[in-house]
């Protein structure tokens, strides 16, 4: 292993897509290289697949102080019906390189991985032993074909209080528009990206139509088999704007419902009244394809229908990102899963959204935390939202409002932990929101204990609008909600020791390409002062 240079700050204003080739002399010239996979692979080029196998781009994720995961997936024919991307049943050797410069003149790691149909022809390189808090660049080669380059970074040292630039988003329905928001997010050049679910959608073409129509269509049937899910991920990953967002920074990801089936709950499909004897097989296939297509560690690789997705990733002492799973362990939605409803089952304190084991894990993570900011990266609205105007009450039973006893336990575990600052990041609802989290939402005297930032969708819902018909009444009936905007986009955040600043970034249209990015609101959360302040 070569020795890394001291951390440096990049001065590049834009990341170039690097396509310079790897040569045999370059491979042999680097002393102390680490090869994983096949012994002696440095002296023999991998078997060359026909055509360019890097049509799905590259990605990285799960940053730690000493490493991260590098990802790619081979596909010469991305939309092949069998989901194998034209790679068939053969195995392929894939070289990878990690450098401290964009030109790959200072290579610090190199190796070889073997992939094949059992992995969906995906590659997950799990690195350790790198220098904390620095920028790296990576790329892959299969045969004579070279991948685009990606930019990644390690997390700061465990004791560091290093500022963090982070963007998060959710809900990218391919049919509903162009992924311009991903391109604009990439132009922000953040240190870290969070994707909070609904990375892809399961519907067949035309089953889910946005207002104004769908400018592009899904290929293939509704996703139910492993081949279906692999094909669908491949279609999404051919999008150049999504590839740019993956290549610019490491990602942390969690799934929501559409990665499997709309509004699924543990072993219950969306429509339990309709016999679906294949649902558990569908869930197994969906989770397997999700892992294959995300820059996740071996610890997240599913076993049958189960996948340990909840985990904590730390950014020095600045922030702990507690990534939650709100699908695999939840009880079935109450009130027949009817939006804008209320029923006695909803308030049963025994009901849980993350499940009892994950609730305990959340409490333990809060209690152990030494971070300045504790962040829950999760999928569905955490704060209470009463959608019925006036005296009536109506909630979304698929969100935490369907499980208020579970929410109370999480909030109480936070209060008992004496941890410093709570921030909840959310996706799912296709609009930008910001809310103060109260210890009890139905008690006007209850204190504010944290803040929730909700990102709009990348495309889901089409172009959107500045307001909706329910905007004024929703804000009036929920005074803890401070912001509500119905455009598409993402949230840009800046973490410092004294405050978190959140900019709600929007694109004015997605049903045609080329939208600019605009700011629709900025909020600040100050250290030890729970609640949002509008900037």
Protein backbone atom coordinates (compact mmCIF):
# COMPACT_ATOMS: atom_id res chain seq x y z
CA UNK A 1 0.00 0.00 0.00
CA UNK A 2 1.30 3.44 -0.88
CA UNK A 3 1.21 6.32 1.58
CA UNK A 4 -1.39 9.04 1.11
CA UNK A 5 -0.29 12.65 0.84
CA UNK A 6 -1.54 15.11 3.49
CA UNK A 7 -5.18 16.16 3.00
CA UNK A 8 -5.62 19.00 0.56
CA UNK A 9 -8.50 21.20 -0.49
CA UNK A 10 -9.53 20.90 -4.12
CA UNK A 11 -9.62 24.10 -6.13
CA UNK A 12 -11.51 22.66 -9.09
CA UNK A 13 -14.78 24.44 -9.83
CA UNK A 14 -16.15 21.56 -11.91
CA UNK A 15 -15.33 17.86 -11.99
CA UNK A 16 -14.18 16.57 -15.33
CA UNK A 17 -15.26 13.18 -16.62
CA UNK A 18 -11.96 11.38 -16.95
CA UNK A 19 -11.56 8.80 -19.63
CA UNK A 20 -7.77 8.41 -19.81
CA UNK A 21 -6.85 4.75 -20.20
CA UNK A 22 -5.07 2.44 -17.79
CA UNK A 23 -1.93 0.91 -19.22
CA UNK A 24 -0.06 -2.20 -18.20
CA UNK A 25 3.04 -0.12 -17.52
CA UNK A 26 1.05 2.14 -15.19
CA UNK A 27 -0.23 -0.87 -13.28
CA UNK A 28 3.24 -2.32 -12.82
CA UNK A 29 4.84 1.02 -11.98
CA UNK A 30 2.98 1.56 -8.71
CA UNK A 31 4.77 -0.17 -5.82
CA UNK A 32 2.86 -1.82 -3.03
CA UNK A 33 -0.51 -1.98 -4.80
CA UNK A 34 -3.27 -3.94 -3.13
CA UNK A 35 -5.05 -6.46 -5.31
CA UNK A 36 -8.31 -8.04 -4.21
CA UNK A 37 -10.19 -10.72 -6.07
CA UNK A 38 -7.94 -12.69 -8.41
CA UNK A 39 -4.28 -13.35 -7.58
CA UNK A 40 -1.78 -12.06 -10.11
CA UNK A 41 -4.38 -9.99 -11.95
CA UNK A 42 -2.05 -7.00 -12.28
CA UNK A 43 -0.08 -8.73 -15.00
CA UNK A 44 -3.05 -9.80 -17.12
CA UNK A 45 -5.84 -7.58 -18.38
CA UNK A 46 -9.41 -8.66 -17.51
CA UNK A 47 -11.46 -10.46 -20.12
CA UNK A 48 -12.95 -7.83 -22.40
CA UNK A 49 -16.78 -7.80 -22.66
CA UNK A 50 -18.26 -6.67 -25.96
CA UNK A 51 -19.06 -2.96 -26.03
CA UNK A 52 -18.87 -0.36 -23.28
CA UNK A 53 -19.87 -2.00 -19.97
CA UNK A 54 -19.91 1.25 -17.96
CA UNK A 55 -23.21 2.62 -19.25
CA UNK A 56 -24.59 2.87 -15.69
CA UNK A 57 -21.87 5.14 -14.35
CA UNK A 58 -20.01 4.93 -11.05
CA UNK A 59 -20.81 5.75 -7.44
CA UNK A 60 -19.39 5.77 -3.94
CA UNK A 61 -20.93 5.68 -0.49
CA UNK A 62 -20.74 4.89 3.21
CA UNK A 63 -17.79 7.21 3.99
CA UNK A 64 -15.75 6.34 7.08
CA UNK A 65 -12.61 8.05 8.41
CA UNK A 66 -10.46 5.40 6.71
CA UNK A 67 -12.45 4.42 3.63
CA UNK A 68 -15.66 4.11 1.68
CA UNK A 69 -17.43 1.86 -0.86
CA UNK A 70 -16.74 2.24 -4.59
CA UNK A 71 -19.45 0.97 -6.93
CA UNK A 72 -20.18 0.25 -10.54
CA UNK A 73 -22.36 -2.21 -12.44
CA UNK A 74 -21.55 -3.63 -15.85
CA UNK A 75 -24.15 -3.38 -18.61
CA UNK A 76 -23.46 -3.32 -22.34
CA UNK A 77 -27.22 -3.54 -23.04
CA UNK A 78 -28.81 -1.81 -20.03
CA UNK A 79 -32.44 -2.51 -20.94
CA UNK A 80 -32.05 -6.24 -21.59
CA UNK A 81 -35.22 -7.99 -20.47
CA UNK A 82 -33.43 -10.53 -18.29
CA UNK A 83 -31.99 -7.72 -16.15
CA UNK A 84 -28.39 -8.82 -16.76
CA UNK A 85 -27.56 -5.82 -18.94
CA UNK A 86 -26.25 -7.83 -21.87
CA UNK A 87 -23.55 -9.42 -19.72
CA UNK A 88 -25.21 -12.83 -19.63
CA UNK A 89 -23.94 -15.59 -17.35
CA UNK A 90 -20.21 -14.90 -17.61
CA UNK A 91 -17.93 -13.53 -14.92
CA UNK A 92 -15.83 -10.42 -15.56
CA UNK A 93 -12.70 -9.13 -13.87
CA UNK A 94 -12.90 -5.40 -13.15
CA UNK A 95 -9.87 -3.31 -12.22
CA UNK A 96 -10.27 -0.27 -9.99
CA UNK A 97 -8.02 2.64 -9.09
CA UNK A 98 -8.10 5.23 -6.32
CA UNK A 99 -6.04 8.43 -6.62
CA UNK A 100 -5.56 11.69 -4.78
CA UNK A 101 -5.72 13.74 -8.00
CA UNK A 102 -8.12 13.99 -10.92
CA UNK A 103 -5.42 13.06 -13.41
CA UNK A 104 -4.70 9.74 -11.63
CA UNK A 105 -0.98 10.54 -11.42
CA UNK A 106 -0.96 9.86 -7.65
CA UNK A 107 -2.57 6.46 -7.35
CA UNK A 108 -2.78 5.19 -3.76
CA UNK A 109 -4.80 1.98 -4.23
CA UNK A 110 -5.47 -0.42 -7.06
CA UNK A 111 -7.12 -3.82 -7.21
CA UNK A 112 -9.27 -6.29 -9.11
CA UNK A 113 -12.76 -7.57 -8.35
CA UNK A 114 -14.68 -10.34 -10.09
CA UNK A 115 -18.38 -9.95 -10.73
CA UNK A 116 -21.03 -11.96 -12.49
CA UNK A 117 -24.74 -12.78 -12.68
CA UNK A 118 -25.03 -13.63 -8.96
CA UNK A 119 -24.20 -9.99 -8.19
CA UNK A 120 -26.19 -8.55 -11.09
CA UNK A 121 -22.73 -7.75 -12.55
CA UNK A 122 -22.26 -5.14 -9.81
CA UNK A 123 -18.96 -4.28 -8.14
CA UNK A 124 -18.65 -3.19 -4.52
CA UNK A 125 -15.10 -2.28 -3.44
CA UNK A 126 -15.00 -1.77 0.33
CA UNK A 127 -11.89 0.24 1.21
CA UNK A 128 -10.14 0.83 4.54
CA UNK A 129 -6.79 2.23 5.68
CA UNK A 130 -7.09 5.58 3.87
CA UNK A 131 -6.38 9.05 5.24
CA UNK A 132 -9.26 10.66 7.10
CA UNK A 133 -10.91 13.83 5.84
CA UNK A 134 -9.57 13.99 2.31
CA UNK A 135 -10.76 13.91 -1.27
CA UNK A 136 -10.11 10.98 -3.62
CA UNK A 137 -10.89 10.06 -7.23
CA UNK A 138 -11.69 6.59 -8.56
CA UNK A 139 -12.39 4.72 -11.78
CA UNK A 140 -12.80 1.19 -13.15
CA UNK A 141 -11.62 -0.78 -16.18
CA UNK A 142 -12.97 -3.93 -17.83
CA UNK A 143 -10.90 -5.12 -20.76
CA UNK A 144 -9.99 -2.04 -22.76
CA UNK A 145 -12.99 -0.04 -21.58
CA UNK A 146 -12.51 2.65 -18.94
CA UNK A 147 -15.28 4.03 -16.76
CA UNK A 148 -15.98 7.68 -16.06
CA UNK A 149 -14.21 8.93 -12.95
CA UNK A 150 -15.90 9.65 -9.67
CA UNK A 151 -15.04 11.97 -6.80
CA UNK A 152 -15.36 10.72 -3.25
CA UNK A 153 -13.97 11.43 0.20
CA UNK A 154 -13.34 9.92 3.58
CA UNK A 155 -15.09 11.21 6.68
CA UNK A 156 -13.07 13.38 9.06
CA UNK A 157 -11.24 11.87 12.05
CA UNK A 158 -13.57 10.78 14.83
CA UNK A 159 -12.58 13.72 17.03
CA UNK A 160 -12.77 16.41 14.31
CA UNK A 161 -15.35 19.18 14.20
CA UNK A 162 -15.04 19.69 10.43
CA UNK A 163 -17.78 21.64 8.56
CA UNK A 164 -19.95 19.63 6.20
CA UNK A 165 -21.76 20.50 2.99
CA UNK A 166 -24.56 17.98 2.42
CA UNK A 167 -27.48 17.75 -0.02
CA UNK A 168 -30.46 15.44 0.31
CA UNK A 169 -33.44 14.51 -1.84
CA UNK A 170 -35.90 11.72 -2.65
CA UNK A 171 -38.54 10.42 -5.04
CA UNK A 172 -37.23 10.26 -8.61
CA UNK A 173 -40.04 8.88 -10.79
CA UNK A 174 -38.36 8.45 -14.20
CA UNK A 175 -41.61 8.88 -16.14
CA UNK A 176 -42.64 12.12 -14.45
CA UNK A 177 -39.81 14.25 -15.75
CA UNK A 178 -36.14 14.82 -16.37
CA UNK A 179 -33.61 14.42 -13.57
CA UNK A 180 -32.43 18.04 -13.81
CA UNK A 181 -32.47 18.39 -10.02
CA UNK A 182 -29.76 15.71 -9.82
CA UNK A 183 -27.62 17.72 -12.25
CA UNK A 184 -28.08 20.91 -10.23
CA UNK A 185 -27.30 19.02 -7.02
CA UNK A 186 -24.06 17.77 -8.60
CA UNK A 187 -23.12 21.34 -9.47
CA UNK A 188 -23.26 22.18 -5.74
CA UNK A 189 -20.29 19.80 -5.25
CA UNK A 190 -21.34 18.72 -1.75
CA UNK A 191 -19.20 16.62 0.55
CA UNK A 192 -22.04 14.13 1.02
CA UNK A 193 -25.43 13.24 -0.53
CA UNK A 194 -28.35 11.56 1.23
CA UNK A 195 -31.08 9.84 -0.76
CA UNK A 196 -34.10 9.18 1.42
CA UNK A 197 -36.11 6.72 -0.64
CA UNK A 198 -38.13 6.11 -3.80
CA UNK A 199 -34.97 6.02 -5.90
CA UNK A 200 -36.96 4.10 -8.50
CA UNK A 201 -40.63 3.30 -9.05
CA UNK A 202 -42.22 -0.07 -9.67
CA UNK A 203 -45.01 0.83 -12.11
CA UNK A 204 -45.35 -0.21 -15.72
CA UNK A 205 -45.52 2.56 -18.31
CA UNK A 206 -48.55 4.80 -17.90
CA UNK A 207 -49.81 3.38 -14.60
CA UNK A 208 -48.73 6.51 -12.68
CA UNK A 209 -49.25 9.67 -14.71
CA UNK A 210 -48.09 13.10 -13.53
CA UNK A 211 -50.25 16.20 -13.99
CA UNK A 212 -49.40 17.38 -17.48
CA UNK A 213 -48.49 13.88 -18.66
CA UNK A 214 -45.37 11.75 -18.63
CA UNK A 215 -42.54 12.96 -20.90
CA UNK A 216 -40.84 9.53 -20.84
CA UNK A 217 -41.82 5.95 -20.09
CA UNK A 218 -40.66 2.98 -18.08
CA UNK A 219 -39.43 -0.08 -19.94
CA UNK A 220 -40.76 -3.45 -18.86
CA UNK A 221 -43.68 -4.63 -16.71
CA UNK A 222 -44.41 -3.67 -13.12
CA UNK A 223 -41.38 -4.84 -11.20
CA UNK A 224 -41.99 -8.14 -9.40
CA UNK A 225 -39.04 -10.38 -10.28
CA UNK A 226 -35.30 -9.95 -9.83
CA UNK A 227 -34.91 -9.48 -13.57
CA UNK A 228 -37.60 -6.77 -13.55
CA UNK A 229 -35.96 -4.81 -10.74
CA UNK A 230 -32.50 -5.09 -12.27
CA UNK A 231 -33.80 -3.81 -15.60
CA UNK A 232 -35.61 -0.90 -13.93
CA UNK A 233 -32.54 0.20 -11.97
CA UNK A 234 -30.51 0.00 -15.16
CA UNK A 235 -32.95 2.27 -16.97
CA UNK A 236 -32.74 4.87 -14.21
CA UNK A 237 -28.96 4.67 -14.00
CA UNK A 238 -28.50 5.39 -17.70
CA UNK A 239 -29.68 8.93 -16.98
CA UNK A 240 -26.63 11.27 -17.20
CA UNK A 241 -27.93 13.66 -14.53
CA UNK A 242 -28.29 10.84 -12.01
CA UNK A 243 -24.82 9.60 -12.95
CA UNK A 244 -23.42 13.10 -12.32
CA UNK A 245 -24.97 13.24 -8.84
CA UNK A 246 -23.52 9.84 -7.96
CA UNK A 247 -20.07 10.72 -9.29
CA UNK A 248 -19.69 14.01 -7.41
CA UNK A 249 -19.75 12.76 -3.80
CA UNK A 250 -20.32 9.71 -1.60
CA UNK A 251 -23.96 8.82 -0.89
CA UNK A 252 -25.88 7.48 2.08
CA UNK A 253 -29.11 5.77 1.03
CA UNK A 254 -32.25 4.26 2.51
CA UNK A 255 -35.22 2.83 0.64
CA UNK A 256 -38.88 3.69 1.06
CA UNK A 257 -41.86 1.93 -0.51
CA UNK A 258 -41.53 2.20 -4.30
CA UNK A 259 -38.27 0.26 -4.33
CA UNK A 260 -40.57 -2.70 -3.56
CA UNK A 261 -44.31 -1.89 -3.75
CA UNK A 262 -46.30 1.24 -2.92
CA UNK A 263 -47.05 1.53 0.83
CA UNK A 264 -45.80 -1.96 1.70
CA UNK A 265 -45.45 -2.74 5.41
CA UNK A 266 -43.16 -5.58 6.51
CA UNK A 267 -44.74 -8.70 4.95
CA UNK A 268 -47.95 -6.91 3.87
CA UNK A 269 -48.30 -5.60 0.29
CA UNK A 270 -50.12 -2.44 -0.73
CA UNK A 271 -53.39 -4.32 -1.31
CA UNK A 272 -53.60 -7.10 1.29
CA UNK A 273 -57.21 -7.72 0.34
CA UNK A 274 -55.99 -9.07 -3.00
CA UNK A 275 -54.14 -12.39 -2.70
CA UNK A 276 -50.47 -11.92 -3.57
CA UNK A 277 -48.79 -15.24 -2.75
CA UNK A 278 -45.56 -14.03 -4.41
CA UNK A 279 -45.13 -10.90 -2.26
CA UNK A 280 -42.32 -12.24 -0.09
CA UNK A 281 -40.46 -13.44 -3.19
CA UNK A 282 -41.01 -9.98 -4.66
CA UNK A 283 -39.64 -8.33 -1.51
CA UNK A 284 -36.59 -10.61 -1.59
CA UNK A 285 -35.92 -9.76 -5.24
CA UNK A 286 -36.40 -6.04 -4.65
CA UNK A 287 -34.01 -5.86 -1.70
CA UNK A 288 -31.40 -7.91 -3.54
CA UNK A 289 -31.57 -5.59 -6.57
CA UNK A 290 -31.43 -2.54 -4.29
CA UNK A 291 -28.18 -3.70 -2.72
CA UNK A 292 -26.71 -4.59 -6.12
CA UNK A 293 -27.41 -1.08 -7.39
CA UNK A 294 -26.33 1.01 -4.40
CA UNK A 295 -22.87 1.78 -2.95
CA UNK A 296 -23.57 -0.23 0.21
CA UNK A 297 -21.31 -2.38 2.38
CA UNK A 298 -21.33 -6.16 2.71
CA UNK A 299 -23.06 -5.69 6.07
CA UNK A 300 -26.13 -4.44 4.18
CA UNK A 301 -26.27 -7.32 1.70
CA UNK A 302 -29.70 -8.92 2.20
CA UNK A 303 -30.31 -12.44 3.39
CA UNK A 304 -33.57 -13.68 1.95
CA UNK A 305 -36.29 -11.13 2.66
CA UNK A 306 -34.23 -9.33 5.33
CA UNK A 307 -31.76 -6.48 4.95
CA UNK A 308 -30.08 -4.64 7.85
CA UNK A 309 -30.33 -1.13 6.45
CA UNK A 310 -30.48 0.95 9.63
CA UNK A 311 -27.04 2.11 10.69
CA UNK A 312 -25.09 5.15 11.92
CA UNK A 313 -22.47 6.92 9.80
CA UNK A 314 -20.47 9.63 11.61
CA UNK A 315 -18.90 12.79 10.20
CA UNK A 316 -16.31 13.32 12.92
CA UNK A 317 -17.90 14.93 15.96
CA UNK A 318 -19.88 17.27 13.74
CA UNK A 319 -22.78 14.92 12.92
CA UNK A 320 -24.07 11.41 13.38
CA UNK A 321 -26.31 10.26 10.54
CA UNK A 322 -28.69 7.65 11.93
CA UNK A 323 -30.15 6.12 8.77
CA UNK A 324 -33.54 4.55 9.53
CA UNK A 325 -35.63 1.81 7.92
CA UNK A 326 -39.34 2.60 8.18
CA UNK A 327 -40.62 -0.27 5.99
CA UNK A 328 -39.28 -3.69 6.98
CA UNK A 329 -40.45 -3.73 10.60
CA UNK A 330 -43.60 -1.59 10.73
CA UNK A 331 -47.08 -2.75 11.61
CA UNK A 332 -49.65 -2.51 8.84
CA UNK A 333 -51.04 0.98 8.33
CA UNK A 334 -54.15 1.79 10.38
CA UNK A 335 -57.42 3.30 9.11
CA UNK A 336 -57.30 1.04 6.01
CA UNK A 337 -54.33 3.17 4.91
CA UNK A 338 -56.72 5.93 3.87
CA UNK A 339 -55.13 9.36 3.47
CA UNK A 340 -56.69 12.22 5.50
CA UNK A 341 -58.31 9.82 7.97
CA UNK A 342 -58.42 9.23 11.71
CA UNK A 343 -59.35 6.13 13.69
CA UNK A 344 -58.85 4.69 17.15
CA UNK A 345 -56.35 2.10 15.90
CA UNK A 346 -54.01 4.93 14.94
CA UNK A 347 -53.35 5.88 18.56
CA UNK A 348 -52.72 2.36 19.87
CA UNK A 349 -49.42 2.88 21.76
CA UNK A 350 -48.26 -0.65 20.92
CA UNK A 351 -48.02 0.18 17.23
CA UNK A 352 -44.50 0.80 15.88
CA UNK A 353 -43.18 2.26 12.66
CA UNK A 354 -39.49 1.25 12.95
CA UNK A 355 -40.19 -1.84 15.08
CA UNK A 356 -39.24 -2.39 18.71
CA UNK A 357 -35.64 -3.48 18.00
CA UNK A 358 -34.95 -0.41 15.87
CA UNK A 359 -36.63 1.87 18.43
CA UNK A 360 -34.21 0.51 21.04
CA UNK A 361 -31.31 0.98 18.64
CA UNK A 362 -32.31 4.63 18.07
CA UNK A 363 -32.43 5.23 21.83
CA UNK A 364 -29.03 3.59 22.28
CA UNK A 365 -27.51 5.70 19.49
CA UNK A 366 -28.87 8.89 21.07
CA UNK A 367 -27.52 7.90 24.48
CA UNK A 368 -24.03 7.15 23.13
CA UNK A 369 -23.79 10.19 20.89
CA UNK A 370 -21.04 12.76 21.36
CA UNK A 371 -21.89 14.56 18.11
CA UNK A 372 -22.85 18.21 17.81
CA UNK A 373 -25.78 17.25 15.56
CA UNK A 374 -27.76 13.99 15.61
CA UNK A 375 -29.51 13.50 12.28
CA UNK A 376 -32.25 10.97 11.54
CA UNK A 377 -32.14 10.21 7.80
CA UNK A 378 -35.51 8.64 7.13
CA UNK A 379 -38.38 8.38 4.71
CA UNK A 380 -41.84 9.52 5.89
CA UNK A 381 -43.13 12.68 7.60
CA UNK A 382 -42.10 12.65 11.27
CA UNK A 383 -44.00 15.72 12.49
CA UNK A 384 -47.76 15.73 12.92
CA UNK A 385 -49.69 17.06 9.92
CA UNK A 386 -53.45 17.55 10.20
CA UNK A 387 -54.74 17.69 6.63
CA UNK A 388 -58.42 18.39 7.46
CA UNK A 389 -59.18 22.12 7.53
CA UNK A 390 -60.89 23.52 10.58
CA UNK A 391 -62.20 21.49 13.50
CA UNK A 392 -61.86 18.03 11.95
CA UNK A 393 -58.71 15.94 11.98
CA UNK A 394 -57.19 13.86 9.21
CA UNK A 395 -53.73 12.31 8.92
CA UNK A 396 -51.52 10.26 6.65
CA UNK A 397 -51.52 6.77 8.22
CA UNK A 398 -48.48 5.75 6.16
CA UNK A 399 -46.35 8.37 7.99
CA UNK A 400 -45.42 8.64 11.69
CA UNK A 401 -48.93 10.05 12.25
CA UNK A 402 -50.13 6.47 11.78
CA UNK A 403 -47.90 5.44 14.68
CA UNK A 404 -47.88 8.37 17.17
CA UNK A 405 -47.03 6.13 20.13
CA UNK A 406 -43.89 5.05 18.30
CA UNK A 407 -43.01 8.68 17.57
CA UNK A 408 -43.49 9.57 21.24
CA UNK A 409 -41.07 6.84 22.28
CA UNK A 410 -38.41 8.10 19.85
CA UNK A 411 -38.90 11.69 21.04
CA UNK A 412 -38.77 10.64 24.69
CA UNK A 413 -35.58 8.65 24.09
CA UNK A 414 -34.06 11.79 22.60
CA UNK A 415 -35.10 13.88 25.59
CA UNK A 416 -33.74 11.28 28.03
CA UNK A 417 -30.41 11.01 26.22
CA UNK A 418 -29.31 14.60 26.84
CA UNK A 419 -27.78 14.59 23.34
CA UNK A 420 -27.19 18.05 21.91
CA UNK A 421 -29.20 18.83 18.74
CA UNK A 422 -31.85 16.79 16.89
CA UNK A 423 -32.47 17.16 13.15
CA UNK A 424 -34.84 14.91 11.18
CA UNK A 425 -34.44 14.66 7.39
CA UNK A 426 -37.37 13.31 5.39
CA UNK A 427 -38.49 12.50 1.84
CA UNK A 428 -41.64 10.84 0.43
CA UNK A 429 -44.18 13.68 0.15
CA UNK A 430 -43.08 15.37 -3.13
CA UNK A 431 -42.88 18.85 -1.61
CA UNK A 432 -40.52 20.95 0.48
CA UNK A 433 -41.53 21.34 4.14
CA UNK A 434 -39.86 22.60 7.32
CA UNK A 435 -41.26 22.01 10.80
CA UNK A 436 -40.50 22.37 14.47
CA UNK A 437 -40.67 19.04 16.29
CA UNK A 438 -42.64 19.31 19.52
CA UNK A 439 -42.34 16.81 22.35
CA UNK A 440 -46.13 16.35 22.09
CA UNK A 441 -47.87 17.87 19.09
CA UNK A 442 -51.34 18.01 20.68
CA UNK A 443 -50.06 19.92 23.72
CA UNK A 444 -49.74 23.67 22.99
CA UNK A 445 -47.37 24.02 25.96
CA UNK A 446 -45.04 21.20 24.90
CA UNK A 447 -41.49 22.31 24.15
CA UNK A 448 -39.84 22.24 20.71
CA UNK A 449 -37.11 19.61 20.87
CA UNK A 450 -35.80 19.51 17.28
CA UNK A 451 -36.37 20.40 13.64
CA UNK A 452 -37.54 18.52 10.58
CA UNK A 453 -36.45 19.31 7.02
CA UNK A 454 -38.40 17.60 4.23
CA UNK A 455 -37.04 17.47 0.69
CA UNK A 456 -39.30 17.61 -2.31
CA UNK A 457 -38.99 15.06 -5.08
CA UNK A 458 -36.56 15.02 -7.97
CA UNK A 459 -39.44 14.52 -10.42
CA UNK A 460 -42.39 12.77 -8.75
CA UNK A 461 -45.54 14.81 -9.27
CA UNK A 462 -44.36 16.55 -12.41
CA UNK A 463 -43.57 20.27 -12.57
CA UNK A 464 -45.40 21.11 -9.37
CA UNK A 465 -46.36 24.63 -8.31
CA UNK A 466 -45.46 27.24 -5.74
CA UNK A 467 -48.56 26.49 -3.67
CA UNK A 468 -51.39 23.95 -3.65
CA UNK A 469 -55.05 24.28 -2.83
CA UNK A 470 -54.40 23.10 0.73
CA UNK A 471 -51.31 25.21 1.46
CA UNK A 472 -52.98 27.99 3.45
CA UNK A 473 -55.25 25.70 5.48
CA UNK A 474 -52.46 23.23 6.24
CA UNK A 475 -50.17 25.96 7.52
CA UNK A 476 -53.00 27.53 9.55
CA UNK A 477 -53.93 24.24 11.24
CA UNK A 478 -50.33 23.20 11.91
CA UNK A 479 -48.51 26.21 13.37
CA UNK A 480 -45.35 24.15 13.98
CA UNK A 481 -44.97 23.84 10.18
CA UNK A 482 -42.89 26.78 9.01
CA UNK A 483 -42.54 26.20 5.25
CA UNK A 484 -44.40 24.39 2.45
CA UNK A 485 -43.50 24.59 -1.26
CA UNK A 486 -44.68 22.29 -4.03
CA UNK A 487 -41.82 22.59 -6.55
CA UNK A 488 -39.36 19.78 -7.29
CA UNK A 489 -35.78 19.89 -6.03
CA UNK A 490 -33.48 19.11 -3.12
CA UNK A 491 -32.24 20.61 0.15
CA UNK A 492 -28.71 22.00 0.50
CA UNK A 493 -27.33 22.09 4.02
CA UNK A 494 -24.22 23.43 5.71
CA UNK A 495 -23.22 22.03 9.11
CA UNK A 496 -20.94 24.04 11.38
CA UNK A 497 -20.34 23.84 15.15
CA UNK A 498 -22.70 26.76 15.76
CA UNK A 499 -25.54 26.18 13.27
CA UNK A 500 -27.06 24.23 10.41
CA UNK A 501 -28.22 26.25 7.41
CA UNK A 502 -30.77 24.69 5.05
CA UNK A 503 -31.54 26.08 1.59
CA UNK A 504 -34.63 24.72 -0.16
CA UNK A 505 -33.52 24.46 -3.79
CA UNK A 506 -36.12 24.13 -6.55
CA UNK A 507 -36.26 23.65 -10.30
CA UNK A 508 -39.24 25.45 -11.87
CA UNK A 509 -39.98 22.61 -14.30
CA UNK A 510 -39.02 18.96 -14.87
CA UNK A 511 -41.28 17.90 -17.73
CA UNK A 512 -38.79 19.37 -20.15
CA UNK A 513 -35.01 19.45 -19.66
CA UNK A 514 -32.72 22.34 -18.81
CA UNK A 515 -34.32 23.98 -15.78
CA UNK A 516 -32.22 26.36 -13.66
CA UNK A 517 -32.06 25.99 -9.89
CA UNK A 518 -33.56 28.61 -7.59
CA UNK A 519 -33.77 29.16 -3.84
CA UNK A 520 -37.22 29.15 -2.24
CA UNK A 521 -36.37 29.48 1.42
CA UNK A 522 -33.52 29.37 3.92
CA UNK A 523 -33.73 28.29 7.55
CA UNK A 524 -31.14 28.15 10.31
CA UNK A 525 -31.01 25.89 13.36
CA UNK A 526 -28.68 27.18 16.05
CA UNK A 527 -26.70 25.02 18.45
CA UNK A 528 -28.68 24.26 21.62
CA UNK A 529 -31.66 26.31 20.36
CA UNK A 530 -34.23 23.81 19.05
CA UNK A 531 -36.46 25.09 16.29
CA UNK A 532 -36.20 26.82 12.93
CA UNK A 533 -35.24 30.42 12.31
CA UNK A 534 -36.00 31.84 8.88
CA UNK A 535 -32.98 33.51 7.34
